[in-house]
Amino acid sequence: MDRFSETEIALLTRLRALKAAPEMAINLFDIGAPLNADGFSQDEIMAVLDALEQEKVIAFGPGNRISILKELPEG
C-alpha cells in the first residue's frame, strides 16, 4: 500500500471517529494533531484533503475548518 492510501485511510478513520456527516464543520486541528502524532506529515494530510475537496466530499472553510459536503467514501 502506498503512503497516500495509508494517509487516506487514517484520515477517513479519524473523520469517522469525529462522527463527520454532511453539513458538519470540523476544525483541521482535530484532524491534523492526531494524525501528526501517528507519524503522518502535514503535506501528506493536505494531499488527501485536497483530493477529497476535488471529489467534492469536503470544502475548505474559514477559521481552519472543513465542511463535510457528502457521505465519506469507504476507505
Protein backbone atom coordinates (compact mmCIF):
# COMPACT_ATOMS: atom_id res chain seq x y z
CA MET A 1 0.00 0.00 0.00
CA ASP A 2 1.39 3.42 -0.89
CA ARG A 3 1.73 6.26 1.59
CA PHE A 4 -1.15 8.28 0.08
CA SER A 5 -3.52 5.33 0.61
CA GLU A 6 -2.28 4.85 4.18
CA THR A 7 -2.85 8.54 4.88
CA GLU A 8 -6.29 8.47 3.27
CA ILE A 9 -7.38 5.50 5.38
CA ALA A 10 -6.07 7.15 8.57
CA LEU A 11 -7.76 10.46 7.73
CA LEU A 12 -11.11 8.85 6.90
CA THR A 13 -10.88 6.79 10.10
CA ARG A 14 -10.27 10.00 12.05
CA LEU A 15 -13.22 11.75 10.39
CA ARG A 16 -15.46 8.79 11.24
CA ALA A 17 -14.24 8.93 14.85
CA LEU A 18 -15.34 12.58 14.88
CA LYS A 19 -18.72 11.41 13.51
CA ALA A 20 -18.31 13.55 10.39
CA ALA A 21 -21.55 13.92 8.46
CA PRO A 22 -22.82 16.16 5.67
CA GLU A 23 -23.32 19.81 6.65
CA MET A 24 -20.89 19.44 9.57
CA ALA A 25 -17.81 21.64 10.07
CA ILE A 26 -14.64 20.19 11.61
CA ASN A 27 -11.57 22.01 12.89
CA LEU A 28 -8.45 20.93 10.99
CA PHE A 29 -6.53 20.78 14.28
CA ASP A 30 -8.85 17.94 15.39
CA ILE A 31 -7.72 16.00 12.33
CA GLY A 32 -4.10 17.07 11.94
CA ALA A 33 -2.82 16.78 15.51
CA PRO A 34 -3.72 13.09 16.00
CA LEU A 35 -2.52 12.18 12.51
CA ASN A 36 0.78 14.01 13.09
CA ALA A 37 1.15 12.05 16.33
CA ASP A 38 0.62 8.86 14.30
CA GLY A 39 3.52 9.82 12.01
CA PHE A 40 1.76 11.49 9.09
CA SER A 41 3.19 14.77 7.83
CA GLN A 42 1.24 17.95 7.22
CA ASP A 43 1.94 17.61 3.47
CA GLU A 44 0.58 14.05 3.40
CA ILE A 45 -2.58 15.09 5.23
CA MET A 46 -3.12 18.10 2.96
CA ALA A 47 -2.66 15.97 -0.17
CA VAL A 48 -5.53 13.73 0.94
CA LEU A 49 -7.70 16.71 1.96
CA ASP A 50 -7.04 18.32 -1.44
CA ALA A 51 -8.12 15.10 -3.17
CA LEU A 52 -11.30 14.95 -1.09
CA GLU A 53 -12.00 18.58 -1.99
CA GLN A 54 -11.57 17.81 -5.71
CA GLU A 55 -14.06 14.95 -5.30
CA LYS A 56 -16.41 17.45 -3.61
CA VAL A 57 -16.54 15.40 -0.40
CA ILE A 58 -15.25 18.34 1.68
CA ALA A 59 -14.80 22.08 1.27
CA PHE A 60 -12.23 24.25 2.99
CA GLY A 61 -13.81 26.99 5.07
CA PRO A 62 -12.77 29.94 7.20
CA GLY A 63 -11.03 29.51 10.51
CA ASN A 64 -9.03 26.38 9.60
CA ARG A 65 -12.19 24.32 9.21
CA ILE A 66 -13.51 21.92 6.63
CA SER A 67 -17.16 21.34 5.80
CA ILE A 68 -18.36 17.85 5.02
CA LEU A 69 -20.43 18.05 1.83
CA LYS A 70 -21.46 14.42 1.38
CA GLU A 71 -21.07 10.97 2.92
CA LEU A 72 -17.46 9.88 3.36
CA PRO A 73 -16.15 7.34 0.85
CA GLU A 74 -15.31 3.86 2.05
CA GLY A 75 -11.64 3.69 2.81
